[in-house]
């Protein structure tokens, strides 16, 4: 159970980092602002599209992480142990 929880937590961490990188893509300011609206707010934020792009990129990055750690056996612990002999 903790294995799948750890993998889900790593995926969510990657997803949120990528989301904040994708959010500014294609932002256009409103041309005519109404009273009470922030003039810097995007006219059409396209959050669904950005969530889909974020999910695809996150799945690719998580797949690379999973391949490196679970299939090839790389880990930060092994890198620290080999680096200590320098």
PDB file of N, CA and C in Angstrom:
ATOM      1  N   UNK A   1       0.825  -1.198   0.000  1.00  0.00           N
ATOM      2  CA  UNK A   1       0.000   0.000   0.000  1.00  0.00           C
ATOM      3  C   UNK A   1       0.867   1.258   0.000  1.00  0.00           C
ATOM      4  N   UNK A   2       1.917   1.273   0.786  1.00  0.00           N
ATOM      5  CA  UNK A   2       2.752   2.472   0.857  1.00  0.00           C
ATOM      6  C   UNK A   2       3.506   2.697  -0.456  1.00  0.00           C
ATOM      7  N   UNK A   3       3.783   1.622  -1.199  1.00  0.00           N
ATOM      8  CA  UNK A   3       4.455   1.761  -2.491  1.00  0.00           C
ATOM      9  C   UNK A   3       3.589   2.584  -3.449  1.00  0.00           C
ATOM     10  N   UNK A   4       2.315   2.233  -3.568  1.00  0.00           N
ATOM     11  CA  UNK A   4       1.424   2.960  -4.476  1.00  0.00           C
ATOM     12  C   UNK A   4       1.159   4.370  -3.974  1.00  0.00           C
ATOM     13  N   UNK A   5       1.091   4.537  -2.664  1.00  0.00           N
ATOM     14  CA  UNK A   5       0.913   5.879  -2.105  1.00  0.00           C
ATOM     15  C   UNK A   5       2.125   6.747  -2.431  1.00  0.00           C
ATOM     16  N   UNK A   6       3.307   6.184  -2.317  1.00  0.00           N
ATOM     17  CA  UNK A   6       4.530   6.930  -2.640  1.00  0.00           C
ATOM     18  C   UNK A   6       4.565   7.313  -4.116  1.00  0.00           C
ATOM     19  N   UNK A   7       4.192   6.381  -4.977  1.00  0.00           N
ATOM     20  CA  UNK A   7       4.187   6.673  -6.411  1.00  0.00           C
ATOM     21  C   UNK A   7       3.156   7.758  -6.750  1.00  0.00           C
ATOM     22  N   UNK A   8       1.988   7.701  -6.116  1.00  0.00           N
ATOM     23  CA  UNK A   8       0.963   8.722  -6.333  1.00  0.00           C
ATOM     24  C   UNK A   8       1.430  10.078  -5.827  1.00  0.00           C
ATOM     25  N   UNK A   9       2.105  10.101  -4.689  1.00  0.00           N
ATOM     26  CA  UNK A   9       2.607  11.354  -4.135  1.00  0.00           C
ATOM     27  C   UNK A   9       3.675  11.961  -5.053  1.00  0.00           C
ATOM     28  N   UNK A  10       4.543  11.139  -5.605  1.00  0.00           N
ATOM     29  CA  UNK A  10       5.570  11.626  -6.530  1.00  0.00           C
ATOM     30  C   UNK A  10       4.917  12.171  -7.797  1.00  0.00           C
ATOM     31  N   UNK A  11       3.900  11.452  -8.309  1.00  0.00           N
ATOM     32  CA  UNK A  11       3.192  11.934  -9.503  1.00  0.00           C
ATOM     33  C   UNK A  11       2.523  13.275  -9.231  1.00  0.00           C
ATOM     34  N   UNK A  12       1.862  13.412  -8.078  1.00  0.00           N
ATOM     35  CA  UNK A  12       1.198  14.683  -7.760  1.00  0.00           C
ATOM     36  C   UNK A  12       2.193  15.821  -7.593  1.00  0.00           C
ATOM     37  N   UNK A  13       3.329  15.536  -7.017  1.00  0.00           N
ATOM     38  CA  UNK A  13       4.365  16.549  -6.891  1.00  0.00           C
ATOM     39  C   UNK A  13       4.818  17.015  -8.275  1.00  0.00           C
ATOM     40  N   UNK A  14       5.082  16.071  -9.166  1.00  0.00           N
ATOM     41  CA  UNK A  14       5.465  16.421 -10.538  1.00  0.00           C
ATOM     42  C   UNK A  14       4.341  17.202 -11.211  1.00  0.00           C
ATOM     43  N   UNK A  15       3.083  16.758 -11.014  1.00  0.00           N
ATOM     44  CA  UNK A  15       1.939  17.383 -11.674  1.00  0.00           C
ATOM     45  C   UNK A  15       1.804  18.851 -11.281  1.00  0.00           C
ATOM     46  N   UNK A  16       1.923  19.151  -9.986  1.00  0.00           N
ATOM     47  CA  UNK A  16       1.768  20.537  -9.548  1.00  0.00           C
ATOM     48  C   UNK A  16       2.927  21.420 -10.004  1.00  0.00           C
ATOM     49  N   UNK A  17       4.138  20.885 -10.032  1.00  0.00           N
ATOM     50  CA  UNK A  17       5.275  21.672 -10.527  1.00  0.00           C
ATOM     51  C   UNK A  17       5.073  22.003 -12.002  1.00  0.00           C
ATOM     52  N   UNK A  18       4.646  21.016 -12.779  1.00  0.00           N
ATOM     53  CA  UNK A  18       4.398  21.236 -14.201  1.00  0.00           C
ATOM     54  C   UNK A  18       3.217  22.191 -14.402  1.00  0.00           C
ATOM     55  N   UNK A  19       2.177  22.074 -13.566  1.00  0.00           N
ATOM     56  CA  UNK A  19       1.028  22.971 -13.685  1.00  0.00           C
ATOM     57  C   UNK A  19       1.453  24.427 -13.568  1.00  0.00           C
ATOM     58  N   UNK A  20       2.290  24.738 -12.585  1.00  0.00           N
ATOM     59  CA  UNK A  20       2.723  26.122 -12.419  1.00  0.00           C
ATOM     60  C   UNK A  20       3.631  26.576 -13.562  1.00  0.00           C
ATOM     61  N   UNK A  21       4.273  25.645 -14.245  1.00  0.00           N
ATOM     62  CA  UNK A  21       5.061  26.010 -15.427  1.00  0.00           C
ATOM     63  C   UNK A  21       4.156  26.229 -16.639  1.00  0.00           C
ATOM     64  N   UNK A  22       3.028  25.513 -16.714  1.00  0.00           N
ATOM     65  CA  UNK A  22       2.134  25.578 -17.876  1.00  0.00           C
ATOM     66  C   UNK A  22       1.119  26.716 -17.756  1.00  0.00           C
ATOM     67  N   UNK A  23       0.772  27.132 -16.564  1.00  0.00           N
ATOM     68  CA  UNK A  23      -0.267  28.150 -16.382  1.00  0.00           C
ATOM     69  C   UNK A  23      -0.055  29.431 -17.197  1.00  0.00           C
ATOM     70  N   UNK A  24       1.140  29.969 -17.319  1.00  0.00           N
ATOM     71  CA  UNK A  24       1.284  31.215 -18.081  1.00  0.00           C
ATOM     72  C   UNK A  24       1.199  31.058 -19.601  1.00  0.00           C
ATOM     73  N   UNK A  25       1.176  29.843 -20.123  1.00  0.00           N
ATOM     74  CA  UNK A  25       1.163  29.639 -21.579  1.00  0.00           C
ATOM     75  C   UNK A  25      -0.111  30.210 -22.190  1.00  0.00           C
ATOM     76  N   UNK A  26       0.030  31.053 -23.179  1.00  0.00           N
ATOM     77  CA  UNK A  26      -1.102  31.556 -23.946  1.00  0.00           C
ATOM     78  C   UNK A  26      -2.022  32.506 -23.213  1.00  0.00           C
ATOM     79  N   UNK A  27      -1.543  33.174 -22.190  1.00  0.00           N
ATOM     80  CA  UNK A  27      -2.391  34.089 -21.426  1.00  0.00           C
ATOM     81  C   UNK A  27      -2.539  35.404 -22.187  1.00  0.00           C
ATOM     82  N   UNK A  28      -3.773  35.844 -22.347  1.00  0.00           N
ATOM     83  CA  UNK A  28      -4.087  37.130 -22.966  1.00  0.00           C
ATOM     84  C   UNK A  28      -4.924  37.938 -21.973  1.00  0.00           C
ATOM     85  N   UNK A  29      -4.575  39.196 -21.808  1.00  0.00           N
ATOM     86  CA  UNK A  29      -5.341  40.051 -20.900  1.00  0.00           C
ATOM     87  C   UNK A  29      -6.676  40.419 -21.525  1.00  0.00           C
ATOM     88  N   UNK A  30      -7.617  40.774 -20.667  1.00  0.00           N
ATOM     89  CA  UNK A  30      -8.920  41.223 -21.138  1.00  0.00           C
ATOM     90  C   UNK A  30      -8.774  42.581 -21.814  1.00  0.00           C
ATOM     91  N   UNK A  31      -9.487  42.763 -22.901  1.00  0.00           N
ATOM     92  CA  UNK A  31      -9.402  44.049 -23.607  1.00  0.00           C
ATOM     93  C   UNK A  31     -10.309  45.095 -22.960  1.00  0.00           C
ATOM     94  N   UNK A  32     -11.492  44.689 -22.535  1.00  0.00           N
ATOM     95  CA  UNK A  32     -12.391  45.624 -21.850  1.00  0.00           C
ATOM     96  C   UNK A  32     -12.767  45.030 -20.492  1.00  0.00           C
ATOM     97  N   UNK A  33     -12.392  45.739 -19.455  1.00  0.00           N
ATOM     98  CA  UNK A  33     -12.660  45.240 -18.103  1.00  0.00           C
ATOM     99  C   UNK A  33     -13.952  45.844 -17.573  1.00  0.00           C
ATOM    100  N   UNK A  34     -14.690  45.036 -16.866  1.00  0.00           N
ATOM    101  CA  UNK A  34     -15.919  45.486 -16.226  1.00  0.00           C
ATOM    102  C   UNK A  34     -15.597  45.916 -14.801  1.00  0.00           C
ATOM    103  N   UNK A  35     -16.420  46.749 -14.219  1.00  0.00           N
ATOM    104  CA  UNK A  35     -16.166  47.154 -12.822  1.00  0.00           C
ATOM    105  C   UNK A  35     -16.159  45.931 -11.899  1.00  0.00           C
ATOM    106  N   UNK A  36     -15.169  45.886 -11.041  1.00  0.00           N
ATOM    107  CA  UNK A  36     -15.047  44.773 -10.097  1.00  0.00           C
ATOM    108  C   UNK A  36     -14.173  43.639 -10.602  1.00  0.00           C
ATOM    109  N   UNK A  37     -13.740  43.680 -11.849  1.00  0.00           N
ATOM    110  CA  UNK A  37     -12.878  42.645 -12.408  1.00  0.00           C
ATOM    111  C   UNK A  37     -11.441  43.152 -12.429  1.00  0.00           C
ATOM    112  N   UNK A  38     -10.520  42.270 -12.153  1.00  0.00           N
ATOM    113  CA  UNK A  38      -9.108  42.632 -12.183  1.00  0.00           C
ATOM    114  C   UNK A  38      -8.666  42.832 -13.631  1.00  0.00           C
ATOM    115  N   UNK A  39      -8.034  43.966 -13.950  1.00  0.00           N
ATOM    116  CA  UNK A  39      -7.623  44.200 -15.338  1.00  0.00           C
ATOM    117  C   UNK A  39      -6.519  43.248 -15.798  1.00  0.00           C
ATOM    118  N   UNK A  40      -5.825  42.630 -14.877  1.00  0.00           N
ATOM    119  CA  UNK A  40      -4.772  41.684 -15.251  1.00  0.00           C
ATOM    120  C   UNK A  40      -5.248  40.253 -15.374  1.00  0.00           C
ATOM    121  N   UNK A  41      -6.524  40.003 -15.134  1.00  0.00           N
ATOM    122  CA  UNK A  41      -7.063  38.644 -15.219  1.00  0.00           C
ATOM    123  C   UNK A  41      -7.099  38.188 -16.671  1.00  0.00           C
ATOM    124  N   UNK A  42      -6.814  36.911 -16.920  1.00  0.00           N
ATOM    125  CA  UNK A  42      -6.841  36.434 -18.304  1.00  0.00           C
ATOM    126  C   UNK A  42      -8.255  36.421 -18.869  1.00  0.00           C
ATOM    127  N   UNK A  43      -8.355  36.687 -20.176  1.00  0.00           N
ATOM    128  CA  UNK A  43      -9.660  36.696 -20.832  1.00  0.00           C
ATOM    129  C   UNK A  43     -10.223  35.283 -20.922  1.00  0.00           C
ATOM    130  N   UNK A  44      -9.404  34.318 -21.299  1.00  0.00           N
ATOM    131  CA  UNK A  44      -9.829  32.923 -21.403  1.00  0.00           C
ATOM    132  C   UNK A  44      -8.692  32.044 -20.889  1.00  0.00           C
ATOM    133  N   UNK A  45      -8.718  31.635 -19.618  1.00  0.00           N
ATOM    134  CA  UNK A  45      -7.579  30.924 -19.050  1.00  0.00           C
ATOM    135  C   UNK A  45      -7.373  29.508 -19.582  1.00  0.00           C
ATOM    136  N   UNK A  46      -8.388  28.874 -20.171  1.00  0.00           N
ATOM    137  CA  UNK A  46      -8.286  27.524 -20.737  1.00  0.00           C
ATOM    138  C   UNK A  46      -7.714  26.529 -19.731  1.00  0.00           C
ATOM    139  N   UNK A  47      -8.286  26.482 -18.540  1.00  0.00           N
ATOM    140  CA  UNK A  47      -7.760  25.634 -17.478  1.00  0.00           C
ATOM    141  C   UNK A  47      -7.876  24.148 -17.790  1.00  0.00           C
ATOM    142  N   UNK A  48      -8.951  23.739 -18.470  1.00  0.00           N
ATOM    143  CA  UNK A  48      -9.096  22.328 -18.828  1.00  0.00           C
ATOM    144  C   UNK A  48      -8.002  21.867 -19.777  1.00  0.00           C
ATOM    145  N   UNK A  49      -7.716  22.696 -20.764  1.00  0.00           N
ATOM    146  CA  UNK A  49      -6.649  22.376 -21.727  1.00  0.00           C
ATOM    147  C   UNK A  49      -5.296  22.326 -21.030  1.00  0.00           C
ATOM    148  N   UNK A  50      -5.061  23.259 -20.135  1.00  0.00           N
ATOM    149  CA  UNK A  50      -3.785  23.293 -19.424  1.00  0.00           C
ATOM    150  C   UNK A  50      -3.655  22.110 -18.457  1.00  0.00           C
ATOM    151  N   UNK A  51      -4.764  21.685 -17.858  1.00  0.00           N
ATOM    152  CA  UNK A  51      -4.727  20.506 -16.988  1.00  0.00           C
ATOM    153  C   UNK A  51      -4.406  19.255 -17.800  1.00  0.00           C
ATOM    154  N   UNK A  52      -4.953  19.157 -19.007  1.00  0.00           N
ATOM    155  CA  UNK A  52      -4.657  18.012 -19.873  1.00  0.00           C
ATOM    156  C   UNK A  52      -3.195  18.007 -20.303  1.00  0.00           C
ATOM    157  N   UNK A  53      -2.675  19.161 -20.696  1.00  0.00           N
ATOM    158  CA  UNK A  53      -1.257  19.266 -21.066  1.00  0.00           C
ATOM    159  C   UNK A  53      -0.378  18.917 -19.879  1.00  0.00           C
ATOM    160  N   UNK A  54      -0.739  19.411 -18.701  1.00  0.00           N
ATOM    161  CA  UNK A  54       0.017  19.122 -17.481  1.00  0.00           C
ATOM    162  C   UNK A  54       0.026  17.629 -17.192  1.00  0.00           C
ATOM    163  N   UNK A  55      -1.126  16.972 -17.360  1.00  0.00           N
ATOM    164  CA  UNK A  55      -1.219  15.544 -17.091  1.00  0.00           C
ATOM    165  C   UNK A  55      -0.356  14.737 -18.053  1.00  0.00           C
ATOM    166  N   UNK A  56      -0.369  15.100 -19.328  1.00  0.00           N
ATOM    167  CA  UNK A  56       0.431  14.372 -20.310  1.00  0.00           C
ATOM    168  C   UNK A  56       1.919  14.523 -20.021  1.00  0.00           C
ATOM    169  N   UNK A  57       2.373  15.742 -19.776  1.00  0.00           N
ATOM    170  CA  UNK A  57       3.787  15.978 -19.474  1.00  0.00           C
ATOM    171  C   UNK A  57       4.175  15.273 -18.179  1.00  0.00           C
ATOM    172  N   UNK A  58       3.308  15.325 -17.168  1.00  0.00           N
ATOM    173  CA  UNK A  58       3.601  14.682 -15.887  1.00  0.00           C
ATOM    174  C   UNK A  58       3.688  13.169 -16.031  1.00  0.00           C
ATOM    175  N   UNK A  59       2.800  12.588 -16.826  1.00  0.00           N
ATOM    176  CA  UNK A  59       2.865  11.141 -17.052  1.00  0.00           C
ATOM    177  C   UNK A  59       4.177  10.745 -17.731  1.00  0.00           C
ATOM    178  N   UNK A  60       4.618  11.549 -18.694  1.00  0.00           N
ATOM    179  CA  UNK A  60       5.893  11.258 -19.349  1.00  0.00           C
ATOM    180  C   UNK A  60       7.061  11.349 -18.370  1.00  0.00           C
ATOM    181  N   UNK A  61       7.101  12.414 -17.582  1.00  0.00           N
ATOM    182  CA  UNK A  61       8.194  12.570 -16.611  1.00  0.00           C
ATOM    183  C   UNK A  61       8.152  11.503 -15.524  1.00  0.00           C
ATOM    184  N   UNK A  62       6.935  11.169 -15.052  1.00  0.00           N
ATOM    185  CA  UNK A  62       6.817  10.119 -14.046  1.00  0.00           C
ATOM    186  C   UNK A  62       7.226   8.772 -14.640  1.00  0.00           C
ATOM    187  N   UNK A  63       6.903   8.541 -15.909  1.00  0.00           N
ATOM    188  CA  UNK A  63       7.322   7.302 -16.570  1.00  0.00           C
ATOM    189  C   UNK A  63       8.833   7.173 -16.631  1.00  0.00           C
ATOM    190  N   UNK A  64       9.513   8.276 -16.934  1.00  0.00           N
ATOM    191  CA  UNK A  64      10.982   8.266 -16.937  1.00  0.00           C
ATOM    192  C   UNK A  64      11.503   7.983 -15.532  1.00  0.00           C
ATOM    193  N   UNK A  65      10.919   8.651 -14.533  1.00  0.00           N
ATOM    194  CA  UNK A  65      11.316   8.408 -13.145  1.00  0.00           C
ATOM    195  C   UNK A  65      11.104   6.946 -12.770  1.00  0.00           C
ATOM    196  N   UNK A  66       9.929   6.395 -13.104  1.00  0.00           N
ATOM    197  CA  UNK A  66       9.609   5.007 -12.764  1.00  0.00           C
ATOM    198  C   UNK A  66      10.583   4.051 -13.451  1.00  0.00           C
ATOM    199  N   UNK A  67      10.874   4.294 -14.711  1.00  0.00           N
ATOM    200  CA  UNK A  67      11.805   3.440 -15.448  1.00  0.00           C
ATOM    201  C   UNK A  67      13.195   3.472 -14.813  1.00  0.00           C
ATOM    202  N   UNK A  68      13.672   4.680 -14.487  1.00  0.00           N
ATOM    203  CA  UNK A  68      15.011   4.793 -13.904  1.00  0.00           C
ATOM    204  C   UNK A  68      15.099   4.147 -12.524  1.00  0.00           C
ATOM    205  N   UNK A  69      14.069   4.313 -11.707  1.00  0.00           N
ATOM    206  CA  UNK A  69      14.155   3.817 -10.330  1.00  0.00           C
ATOM    207  C   UNK A  69      13.718   2.367 -10.171  1.00  0.00           C
ATOM    208  N   UNK A  70      12.678   1.956 -10.885  1.00  0.00           N
ATOM    209  CA  UNK A  70      12.144   0.614 -10.682  1.00  0.00           C
ATOM    210  C   UNK A  70      12.719  -0.415 -11.658  1.00  0.00           C
ATOM    211  N   UNK A  71      12.977  -0.029 -12.876  1.00  0.00           N
ATOM    212  CA  UNK A  71      13.484  -0.971 -13.881  1.00  0.00           C
ATOM    213  C   UNK A  71      15.007  -1.018 -13.865  1.00  0.00           C
ATOM    214  N   UNK A  72      15.650   0.158 -13.916  1.00  0.00           N
ATOM    215  CA  UNK A  72      17.113   0.202 -13.935  1.00  0.00           C
ATOM    216  C   UNK A  72      17.735   0.193 -12.543  1.00  0.00           C
ATOM    217  N   UNK A  73      16.970   0.542 -11.521  1.00  0.00           N
ATOM    218  CA  UNK A  73      17.456   0.459 -10.151  1.00  0.00           C
ATOM    219  C   UNK A  73      18.238   1.657  -9.651  1.00  0.00           C
ATOM    220  N   UNK A  74      18.179   2.786 -10.335  1.00  0.00           N
ATOM    221  CA  UNK A  74      18.863   3.981  -9.837  1.00  0.00           C
ATOM    222  C   UNK A  74      18.148   4.518  -8.607  1.00  0.00           C
ATOM    223  N   UNK A  75      18.923   5.078  -7.690  1.00  0.00           N
ATOM    224  CA  UNK A  75      18.340   5.713  -6.508  1.00  0.00           C
ATOM    225  C   UNK A  75      19.278   6.804  -6.021  1.00  0.00           C
ATOM    226  N   UNK A  76      18.728   7.740  -5.272  1.00  0.00           N
ATOM    227  CA  UNK A  76      19.563   8.793  -4.696  1.00  0.00           C
ATOM    228  C   UNK A  76      20.532   8.230  -3.677  1.00  0.00           C
ATOM    229  N   UNK A  77      20.112   7.207  -2.959  1.00  0.00           N
ATOM    230  CA  UNK A  77      20.984   6.584  -1.959  1.00  0.00           C
ATOM    231  C   UNK A  77      22.223   5.990  -2.612  1.00  0.00           C
ATOM    232  N   UNK A  78      22.055   5.305  -3.748  1.00  0.00           N
ATOM    233  CA  UNK A  78      23.221   4.721  -4.428  1.00  0.00           C
ATOM    234  C   UNK A  78      24.129   5.823  -4.991  1.00  0.00           C
ATOM    235  N   UNK A  79      23.547   6.944  -5.414  1.00  0.00           N
ATOM    236  CA  UNK A  79      24.378   8.046  -5.901  1.00  0.00           C
ATOM    237  C   UNK A  79      25.190   8.665  -4.772  1.00  0.00           C
ATOM    238  N   UNK A  80      24.594   8.772  -3.591  1.00  0.00           N
ATOM    239  CA  UNK A  80      25.309   9.350  -2.445  1.00  0.00           C
ATOM    240  C   UNK A  80      26.408   8.402  -1.979  1.00  0.00           C
ATOM    241  N   UNK A  81      26.197   7.112  -2.036  1.00  0.00           N
ATOM    242  CA  UNK A  81      27.208   6.164  -1.599  1.00  0.00           C
ATOM    243  C   UNK A  81      28.390   6.135  -2.541  1.00  0.00           C
ATOM    244  N   UNK A  82      28.163   6.243  -3.834  1.00  0.00           N
ATOM    245  CA  UNK A  82      29.273   6.267  -4.781  1.00  0.00           C
ATOM    246  C   UNK A  82      29.991   7.616  -4.761  1.00  0.00           C
ATOM    247  N   UNK A  83      29.285   8.683  -4.424  1.00  0.00           N
ATOM    248  CA  UNK A  83      29.888  10.015  -4.375  1.00  0.00           C
ATOM    249  C   UNK A  83      30.729  10.248  -3.145  1.00  0.00           C
ATOM    250  N   UNK A  84      30.563   9.439  -2.113  1.00  0.00           N
ATOM    251  CA  UNK A  84      31.299   9.663  -0.870  1.00  0.00           C
ATOM    252  C   UNK A  84      32.762   9.264  -1.000  1.00  0.00           C
ATOM    253  N   UNK A  85      33.114   8.507  -2.024  1.00  0.00           N
ATOM    254  CA  UNK A  85      34.506   8.059  -2.166  1.00  0.00           C
ATOM    255  C   UNK A  85      35.379   9.099  -2.871  1.00  0.00           C
ATOM    256  N   UNK A  86      34.807  10.237  -3.241  1.00  0.00           N
ATOM    257  CA  UNK A  86      35.600  11.256  -3.949  1.00  0.00           C
ATOM    258  C   UNK A  86      36.555  11.934  -3.046  1.00  0.00           C
TER     259      UNK A  86
END
